[in-house]
C-alpha atoms as a PDB file:
ATOM      1  CA  MET A   1     102.322 -23.144 -16.066  1.00  0.00           C
ATOM      2  CA  LEU A   2     103.564 -25.927 -13.850  1.00  0.00           C
ATOM      3  CA  LYS A   3     100.943 -25.156 -11.292  1.00  0.00           C
ATOM      4  CA  LYS A   4      98.087 -25.178 -14.153  1.00  0.00           C
ATOM      5  CA  GLY A   5      99.624 -28.317 -15.433  1.00  0.00           C
ATOM      6  CA  LEU A   6      99.184 -29.861 -11.558  1.00  0.00           C
ATOM      7  CA  LEU A   7      96.027 -28.258 -10.993  1.00  0.00           C
ATOM      8  CA  ALA A   8      94.630 -29.802 -14.822  1.00  0.00           C
ATOM      9  CA  ALA A   9      96.103 -33.432 -13.357  1.00  0.00           C
ATOM     10  CA  ALA A  10      94.594 -33.434  -9.984  1.00  0.00           C
ATOM     11  CA  VAL A  11      91.350 -32.120 -11.160  1.00  0.00           C
ATOM     12  CA  ILE A  12      91.409 -35.264 -14.356  1.00  0.00           C
ATOM     13  CA  ALA A  13      92.794 -37.534 -11.550  1.00  0.00           C
ATOM     14  CA  PHE A  14      89.957 -36.856  -9.208  1.00  0.00           C
ATOM     15  CA  VAL A  15      87.296 -36.950 -11.732  1.00  0.00           C
ATOM     16  CA  THR A  16      88.558 -40.527 -12.954  1.00  0.00           C
ATOM     17  CA  VAL A  17      88.603 -41.965  -9.674  1.00  0.00           C
ATOM     18  CA  PHE A  18      85.132 -41.234  -9.277  1.00  0.00           C
ATOM     19  CA  ALA A  19      83.902 -41.883 -12.616  1.00  0.00           C
ATOM     20  CA  ILE A  20      85.319 -45.435 -12.038  1.00  0.00           C
ATOM     21  CA  GLY A  21      84.091 -45.541  -8.707  1.00  0.00           C
ATOM     22  CA  GLY A  22      80.715 -45.011  -9.661  1.00  0.00           C
ATOM     23  CA  LEU A  23      80.849 -47.517 -12.424  1.00  0.00           C
ATOM     24  CA  GLN A  24      81.521 -50.255 -10.045  1.00  0.00           C
ATOM     25  CA  ALA A  25      79.139 -49.113  -7.084  1.00  0.00           C
ATOM     26  CA  GLY A  26      75.994 -50.187  -9.058  1.00  0.00           C
ATOM     27  CA  THR A  27      73.069 -48.910  -7.274  1.00  0.00           C
ATOM     28  CA  ASP A  28      71.557 -49.336  -3.804  1.00  0.00           C
ATOM     29  CA  VAL A  29      69.481 -52.122  -3.703  1.00  0.00           C
ATOM     30  CA  ALA A  30      66.517 -52.541  -1.314  1.00  0.00           C
ATOM     31  CA  ASP A  31      66.499 -56.031   0.742  1.00  0.00           C
ATOM     32  CA  GLU A  32      62.559 -55.921   0.395  1.00  0.00           C
ATOM     33  CA  PHE A  33      60.975 -54.159  -2.143  1.00  0.00           C
ATOM     34  CA  MET A  34      57.328 -54.007  -3.650  1.00  0.00           C
ATOM     35  CA  MET A  35      57.631 -55.525  -7.190  1.00  0.00           C
ATOM     36  CA  LYS A  36      55.432 -52.896  -9.229  1.00  0.00           C
ATOM     37  CA  SER A  37      55.178 -51.225 -12.554  1.00  0.00           C
ATOM     38  CA  ASP A  38      53.474 -48.411 -13.709  1.00  0.00           C
ATOM     39  CA  TYR A  39      50.194 -49.810 -15.088  1.00  0.00           C
ATOM     40  CA  PRO A  40      46.834 -50.568 -13.441  1.00  0.00           C
ATOM     41  CA  HIS A  41      47.332 -53.829 -11.407  1.00  0.00           C
ATOM     42  CA  LYS A  42      44.331 -55.957 -10.311  1.00  0.00           C
ATOM     43  CA  LYS A  43      45.830 -57.797  -7.567  1.00  0.00           C
ATOM     44  CA  GLY A  44      47.833 -56.610  -4.830  1.00  0.00           C
ATOM     45  CA  ILE A  45      51.684 -55.724  -4.968  1.00  0.00           C
ATOM     46  CA  VAL A  46      54.184 -58.626  -4.201  1.00  0.00           C
ATOM     47  CA  LYS A  47      56.824 -58.067  -1.633  1.00  0.00           C
ATOM     48  CA  PHE A  48      59.971 -59.612  -2.727  1.00  0.00           C
ATOM     49  CA  THR A  49      63.151 -60.121  -0.399  1.00  0.00           C
ATOM     50  CA  HIS A  50      66.524 -60.534  -1.748  1.00  0.00           C
ATOM     51  CA  LYS A  51      67.759 -62.042   1.507  1.00  0.00           C
ATOM     52  CA  LYS A  52      65.059 -64.818   2.049  1.00  0.00           C
ATOM     53  CA  HIS A  53      65.643 -65.690  -1.575  1.00  0.00           C
ATOM     54  CA  ILE A  54      69.430 -65.639  -1.340  1.00  0.00           C
ATOM     55  CA  ASP A  55      70.079 -66.733   2.337  1.00  0.00           C
ATOM     56  CA  GLU A  56      67.198 -69.129   2.884  1.00  0.00           C
ATOM     57  CA  TYR A  57      66.656 -70.630  -0.607  1.00  0.00           C
ATOM     58  CA  GLY A  58      70.179 -70.405  -1.634  1.00  0.00           C
ATOM     59  CA  ALA A  59      68.784 -68.630  -5.087  1.00  0.00           C
ATOM     60  CA  THR A  60      71.348 -66.736  -7.381  1.00  0.00           C
ATOM     61  CA  CYS A  61      71.004 -63.535  -9.389  1.00  0.00           C
ATOM     62  CA  GLY A  62      70.554 -65.692 -12.566  1.00  0.00           C
ATOM     63  CA  GLU A  63      67.825 -67.663 -11.333  1.00  0.00           C
ATOM     64  CA  CYS A  64      65.952 -64.137 -11.936  1.00  0.00           C
ATOM     65  CA  HIS A  65      67.742 -61.881 -13.721  1.00  0.00           C
ATOM     66  CA  HIS A  66      68.910 -63.167 -17.436  1.00  0.00           C
ATOM     67  CA  ASP A  67      70.020 -61.286 -20.736  1.00  0.00           C
ATOM     68  CA  ALA A  68      68.348 -60.834 -24.025  1.00  0.00           C
ATOM     69  CA  ASP A  69      69.385 -64.339 -24.857  1.00  0.00           C
ATOM     70  CA  ASN A  70      67.555 -65.955 -21.718  1.00  0.00           C
ATOM     71  CA  LYS A  71      70.699 -67.173 -20.295  1.00  0.00           C
ATOM     72  CA  PRO A  72      71.112 -66.452 -16.331  1.00  0.00           C
ATOM     73  CA  ARG A  73      72.982 -63.427 -15.361  1.00  0.00           C
ATOM     74  CA  ASN A  74      75.014 -65.283 -12.403  1.00  0.00           C
ATOM     75  CA  ASP A  75      77.714 -62.484 -13.117  1.00  0.00           C
ATOM     76  CA  LEU A  76      75.707 -59.986 -10.715  1.00  0.00           C
ATOM     77  CA  LYS A  77      76.354 -59.188  -7.370  1.00  0.00           C
ATOM     78  CA  MET A  78      74.003 -57.108  -5.085  1.00  0.00           C
ATOM     79  CA  GLY A  79      74.281 -53.250  -6.047  1.00  0.00           C
ATOM     80  CA  ASP A  80      75.095 -54.023  -9.605  1.00  0.00           C
ATOM     81  CA  ASP A  81      72.677 -52.138 -12.093  1.00  0.00           C
ATOM     82  CA  VAL A  82      69.976 -53.986 -13.924  1.00  0.00           C
ATOM     83  CA  GLN A  83      67.335 -53.536 -16.380  1.00  0.00           C
ATOM     84  CA  LYS A  84      63.605 -54.064 -15.035  1.00  0.00           C
ATOM     85  CA  CYS A  85      61.850 -56.297 -16.320  1.00  0.00           C
ATOM     86  CA  ILE A  86      59.390 -54.396 -17.996  1.00  0.00           C
ATOM     87  CA  GLU A  87      62.019 -52.758 -20.348  1.00  0.00           C
ATOM     88  CA  CYS A  88      62.152 -56.101 -22.388  1.00  0.00           C
ATOM     89  CA  HIS A  89      58.812 -57.248 -21.570  1.00  0.00           C
ATOM     90  CA  LYS A  90      57.138 -54.099 -22.504  1.00  0.00           C
ATOM     91  CA  LYS A  91      53.441 -55.141 -22.712  1.00  0.00           C
ATOM     92  CA  PRO A  92      51.573 -54.032 -19.727  1.00  0.00           C
ATOM     93  CA  GLY A  93      49.632 -56.729 -17.410  1.00  0.00           C
ATOM     94  CA  GLU A  94      48.972 -60.661 -19.254  1.00  0.00           C
ATOM     95  CA  VAL A  95      47.838 -61.700 -22.258  1.00  0.00           C
ATOM     96  CA  THR A  96      44.213 -60.860 -22.832  1.00  0.00           C
ATOM     97  CA  LYS A  97      41.410 -63.438 -22.945  1.00  0.00           C
ATOM     98  CA  GLU A  98      40.806 -61.984 -26.658  1.00  0.00           C
ATOM     99  CA  LEU A  99      44.201 -62.823 -27.840  1.00  0.00           C
ATOM    100  CA  LYS A 100      44.284 -66.204 -26.375  1.00  0.00           C
ATOM    101  CA  LYS A 101      41.059 -67.160 -28.465  1.00  0.00           C
ATOM    102  CA  GLU A 102      42.817 -65.695 -31.381  1.00  0.00           C
ATOM    103  CA  TRP A 103      46.041 -67.875 -30.811  1.00  0.00           C
ATOM    104  CA  LYS A 104      43.831 -70.856 -30.372  1.00  0.00           C
ATOM    105  CA  ALA A 105      41.936 -70.279 -33.563  1.00  0.00           C
ATOM    106  CA  LYS A 106      45.220 -69.975 -35.473  1.00  0.00           C
ATOM    107  CA  LYS A 107      46.500 -72.794 -33.838  1.00  0.00           C
ATOM    108  CA  VAL A 108      49.587 -71.468 -32.639  1.00  0.00           C
ATOM    109  CA  LYS A 109      51.859 -73.859 -31.192  1.00  0.00           C
ATOM    110  CA  LYS A 110      52.523 -73.892 -27.020  1.00  0.00           C
ATOM    111  CA  LYS A 111      56.070 -73.099 -27.976  1.00  0.00           C
ATOM    112  CA  GLU A 112      55.409 -70.029 -29.815  1.00  0.00           C
ATOM    113  CA  LYS A 113      52.401 -68.963 -27.400  1.00  0.00           C
ATOM    114  CA  ASP A 114      54.734 -69.114 -24.600  1.00  0.00           C
ATOM    115  CA  LYS A 115      57.270 -66.793 -26.294  1.00  0.00           C
ATOM    116  CA  LEU A 116      54.526 -64.377 -27.459  1.00  0.00           C
ATOM    117  CA  ALA A 117      53.269 -64.417 -23.811  1.00  0.00           C
ATOM    118  CA  ARG A 118      56.487 -63.649 -22.317  1.00  0.00           C
ATOM    119  CA  GLU A 119      56.256 -60.021 -24.190  1.00  0.00           C
ATOM    120  CA  PHE A 120      53.969 -59.218 -21.475  1.00  0.00           C
ATOM    121  CA  HIS A 121      55.700 -58.013 -18.059  1.00  0.00           C
ATOM    122  CA  ALA A 122      53.098 -59.662 -15.843  1.00  0.00           C
ATOM    123  CA  GLU A 123      53.370 -63.340 -17.738  1.00  0.00           C
ATOM    124  CA  ALA A 124      57.194 -62.894 -17.890  1.00  0.00           C
ATOM    125  CA  VAL A 125      57.261 -62.347 -14.053  1.00  0.00           C
ATOM    126  CA  HIS A 126      54.851 -65.068 -13.173  1.00  0.00           C
ATOM    127  CA  ASP A 127      56.612 -67.834 -15.524  1.00  0.00           C
ATOM    128  CA  ASN A 128      60.105 -67.043 -13.948  1.00  0.00           C
ATOM    129  CA  CYS A 129      58.430 -67.134 -10.356  1.00  0.00           C
ATOM    130  CA  ARG A 130      56.465 -69.950 -10.587  1.00  0.00           C
ATOM    131  CA  THR A 131      58.897 -71.823 -12.449  1.00  0.00           C
ATOM    132  CA  CYS A 132      61.151 -71.435  -9.607  1.00  0.00           C
ATOM    133  CA  HIS A 133      58.408 -71.863  -7.042  1.00  0.00           C
ATOM    134  CA  LYS A 134      57.767 -74.960  -8.427  1.00  0.00           C
ATOM    135  CA  ALA A 135      61.124 -76.290  -8.754  1.00  0.00           C
ATOM    136  CA  HIS A 136      61.810 -75.823  -5.342  1.00  0.00           C
ATOM    137  CA  ASN A 137      58.729 -77.144  -4.308  1.00  0.00           C
ATOM    138  CA  LYS A 138      59.493 -80.372  -5.856  1.00  0.00           C
ATOM    139  CA  LYS A 139      63.361 -80.844  -4.780  1.00  0.00           C
ATOM    140  CA  THR A 140      62.178 -80.085  -0.866  1.00  0.00           C
ATOM    141  CA  LYS A 141      59.049 -82.010  -1.487  1.00  0.00           C
ATOM    142  CA  THR A 142      57.141 -79.495   0.197  1.00  0.00           C
ATOM    143  CA  LYS A 143      54.887 -76.270  -0.668  1.00  0.00           C
ATOM    144  CA  ASP A 144      57.070 -73.780   0.560  1.00  0.00           C
ATOM    145  CA  ALA A 145      57.140 -71.823  -2.157  1.00  0.00           C
ATOM    146  CA  PRO A 146      53.841 -70.138  -3.253  1.00  0.00           C
ATOM    147  CA  THR A 147      52.447 -70.928  -6.715  1.00  0.00           C
ATOM    148  CA  THR A 148      49.236 -69.481  -6.568  1.00  0.00           C
ATOM    149  CA  CYS A 149      47.679 -65.935  -6.974  1.00  0.00           C
ATOM    150  CA  ALA A 150      46.346 -65.226  -3.751  1.00  0.00           C
ATOM    151  CA  LYS A 151      49.813 -66.766  -1.829  1.00  0.00           C
ATOM    152  CA  CYS A 152      52.160 -64.250  -3.445  1.00  0.00           C
ATOM    153  CA  HIS A 153      49.459 -60.982  -4.055  1.00  0.00           C
ATOM    154  CA  PRO A 154      48.275 -59.860  -0.794  1.00  0.00           C
ATOM    155  CA  LYS A 155      44.420 -58.919  -0.391  1.00  0.00           C
ATOM    156  CA  GLU A 156      44.440 -55.111  -0.768  1.00  0.00           C
ATOM    157  CA  GLY A 157      43.014 -53.359   2.298  1.00  0.00           C
END
Protein backbone atom coordinates (compact mmCIF):
# COMPACT_ATOMS: atom_id res chain seq x y z
CA MET A 1 0.00 0.00 0.00
CA LEU A 2 2.81 2.42 0.91
CA LYS A 3 4.59 1.65 -2.38
CA LYS A 4 1.43 2.45 -4.37
CA GLY A 5 1.02 5.74 -2.46
CA LEU A 6 4.66 6.70 -3.09
CA LEU A 7 4.36 5.76 -6.76
CA ALA A 8 1.17 7.81 -7.12
CA ALA A 9 2.80 10.80 -5.38
CA ALA A 10 5.87 10.53 -7.62
CA VAL A 11 3.71 10.41 -10.75
CA ILE A 12 1.67 13.42 -9.60
CA ALA A 13 4.83 15.37 -8.76
CA PHE A 14 6.39 14.47 -12.13
CA VAL A 15 3.29 15.52 -14.10
CA THR A 16 2.91 18.73 -12.09
CA VAL A 17 6.52 19.80 -12.65
CA PHE A 18 6.30 19.22 -16.40
CA ALA A 19 2.85 20.81 -16.71
CA ILE A 20 3.98 23.97 -14.92
CA GLY A 21 7.24 24.02 -16.86
CA GLY A 22 5.30 23.70 -20.09
CA LEU A 23 3.04 26.61 -19.15
CA GLN A 24 5.99 28.83 -18.38
CA ALA A 25 8.05 27.78 -21.38
CA GLY A 26 5.75 29.29 -23.99
CA THR A 27 6.68 28.67 -27.59
CA ASP A 28 9.90 28.92 -29.46
CA VAL A 29 9.87 32.18 -31.40
CA ALA A 30 12.00 32.39 -34.48
CA ASP A 31 14.09 35.54 -34.64
CA GLU A 32 13.35 35.80 -38.34
CA PHE A 33 10.05 34.71 -39.82
CA MET A 34 7.85 35.34 -42.83
CA MET A 35 4.69 37.30 -42.01
CA LYS A 36 2.41 35.05 -44.03
CA SER A 37 -1.19 34.05 -43.47
CA ASP A 38 -3.25 31.36 -45.15
CA TYR A 39 -4.90 33.57 -47.75
CA PRO A 40 -3.49 34.60 -51.17
CA HIS A 41 -1.10 37.55 -51.09
CA LYS A 42 -0.73 40.04 -53.93
CA LYS A 43 2.78 41.16 -52.95
CA GLY A 44 5.94 39.50 -51.67
CA ILE A 45 5.90 38.28 -48.07
CA VAL A 46 7.54 40.50 -45.43
CA LYS A 47 10.46 39.00 -43.52
CA PHE A 48 10.37 40.18 -39.89
CA THR A 49 13.23 40.00 -37.39
CA HIS A 50 12.66 40.28 -33.65
CA LYS A 51 16.39 40.87 -32.99
CA LYS A 52 16.60 43.85 -35.32
CA HIS A 53 13.47 45.48 -33.89
CA ILE A 54 14.38 44.84 -30.25
CA ASP A 55 18.17 45.25 -30.25
CA GLU A 56 18.67 47.87 -32.97
CA TYR A 57 15.47 49.89 -32.65
CA GLY A 58 14.66 49.37 -28.98
CA ALA A 59 11.12 48.16 -29.70
CA THR A 60 9.13 46.47 -26.96
CA CYS A 61 6.71 43.57 -27.37
CA GLY A 62 3.76 45.90 -26.73
CA GLU A 63 4.57 47.99 -29.79
CA CYS A 64 3.36 45.11 -31.99
CA HIS A 65 1.38 42.88 -29.65
CA HIS A 66 -1.77 44.24 -28.00
CA ASP A 67 -4.79 42.99 -26.09
CA ALA A 68 -8.46 43.03 -27.11
CA ASP A 69 -8.74 46.67 -25.96
CA ASN A 70 -5.73 47.63 -28.13
CA LYS A 71 -3.58 48.14 -25.03
CA PRO A 72 0.12 47.21 -25.46
CA ARG A 73 1.16 43.78 -24.17
CA ASN A 74 4.34 44.97 -22.44
CA ASP A 75 4.08 42.01 -20.06
CA LEU A 76 5.32 39.65 -22.78
CA LYS A 77 8.80 38.21 -23.09
CA MET A 78 10.42 36.21 -25.88
CA GLY A 79 8.89 32.77 -26.08
CA ASP A 80 5.51 33.67 -24.55
CA ASP A 81 2.47 32.36 -26.39
CA VAL A 82 0.79 35.07 -28.47
CA GLN A 83 -2.15 34.98 -30.82
CA LYS A 84 -1.58 35.53 -34.51
CA CYS A 85 -3.03 38.80 -35.81
CA ILE A 86 -5.53 36.92 -38.01
CA GLU A 87 -7.18 35.40 -34.93
CA CYS A 88 -8.79 38.76 -34.13
CA HIS A 89 -8.41 40.63 -37.42
CA LYS A 90 -10.31 37.84 -39.17
CA LYS A 91 -11.15 39.29 -42.57
CA PRO A 92 -8.40 38.32 -45.01
CA GLY A 93 -6.56 40.93 -47.04
CA GLU A 94 -7.42 44.61 -47.29
CA VAL A 95 -10.62 46.62 -47.50
CA THR A 96 -12.04 46.30 -51.01
CA LYS A 97 -12.55 49.30 -53.30
CA GLU A 98 -16.27 48.53 -53.32
CA LEU A 99 -16.47 48.68 -49.52
CA LYS A 100 -14.52 51.97 -49.49
CA LYS A 101 -17.04 53.39 -51.99
CA GLU A 102 -19.90 52.16 -49.81
CA TRP A 103 -18.43 53.84 -46.73
CA LYS A 104 -17.96 57.05 -48.68
CA ALA A 105 -21.57 56.97 -49.94
CA LYS A 106 -22.82 56.38 -46.38
CA LYS A 107 -20.54 59.18 -45.12
CA VAL A 108 -18.94 56.92 -42.53
CA LYS A 109 -16.71 59.02 -40.26
CA LYS A 110 -12.93 58.48 -40.38
CA LYS A 111 -12.72 57.07 -36.85
CA GLU A 112 -15.38 54.48 -37.67
CA LYS A 113 -13.75 53.66 -41.05
CA ASP A 114 -10.43 53.10 -39.31
CA LYS A 115 -12.08 50.76 -36.80
CA LEU A 116 -13.89 48.82 -39.55
CA ALA A 117 -10.70 48.62 -41.64
CA ARG A 118 -8.77 47.06 -38.76
CA GLU A 119 -11.13 44.07 -38.92
CA PHE A 120 -9.18 43.19 -42.08
CA HIS A 121 -5.93 41.37 -41.37
CA ALA A 122 -3.67 43.22 -43.83
CA GLU A 123 -5.10 46.60 -42.83
CA ALA A 124 -4.40 45.94 -39.14
CA VAL A 125 -0.84 44.77 -39.80
CA HIS A 126 -0.10 47.64 -42.19
CA ASP A 127 -1.54 50.18 -39.74
CA ASN A 128 0.54 48.75 -36.90
CA CYS A 129 3.82 48.68 -38.86
CA ARG A 130 3.44 51.99 -40.71
CA THR A 131 2.43 53.89 -37.56
CA CYS A 132 5.53 52.69 -35.73
CA HIS A 133 7.83 53.17 -38.74
CA LYS A 134 6.60 56.74 -39.30
CA ALA A 135 7.11 57.56 -35.61
CA HIS A 136 10.65 56.13 -35.74
CA ASN A 137 11.47 58.18 -38.85
CA LYS A 138 10.10 61.35 -37.30
CA LYS A 139 11.98 60.77 -34.03
CA THR A 140 15.29 60.03 -35.76
CA LYS A 141 14.78 62.52 -38.62
CA THR A 142 15.59 59.67 -41.04
CA LYS A 143 13.83 57.40 -43.48
CA ASP A 144 15.36 54.26 -41.95
CA ALA A 145 12.04 52.51 -41.34
CA PRO A 146 10.19 51.65 -44.55
CA THR A 147 6.70 53.08 -45.05
CA THR A 148 5.94 52.09 -48.67
CA CYS A 149 4.79 48.79 -50.15
CA ALA A 150 7.93 48.08 -52.19
CA LYS A 151 10.31 48.68 -49.25
CA CYS A 152 8.68 45.95 -47.10
CA HIS A 153 7.26 43.57 -49.69
CA PRO A 154 10.04 42.09 -51.88
CA LYS A 155 9.29 41.38 -55.51
CA GLU A 156 8.43 37.74 -55.96
CA GLY A 157 10.98 35.91 -58.08
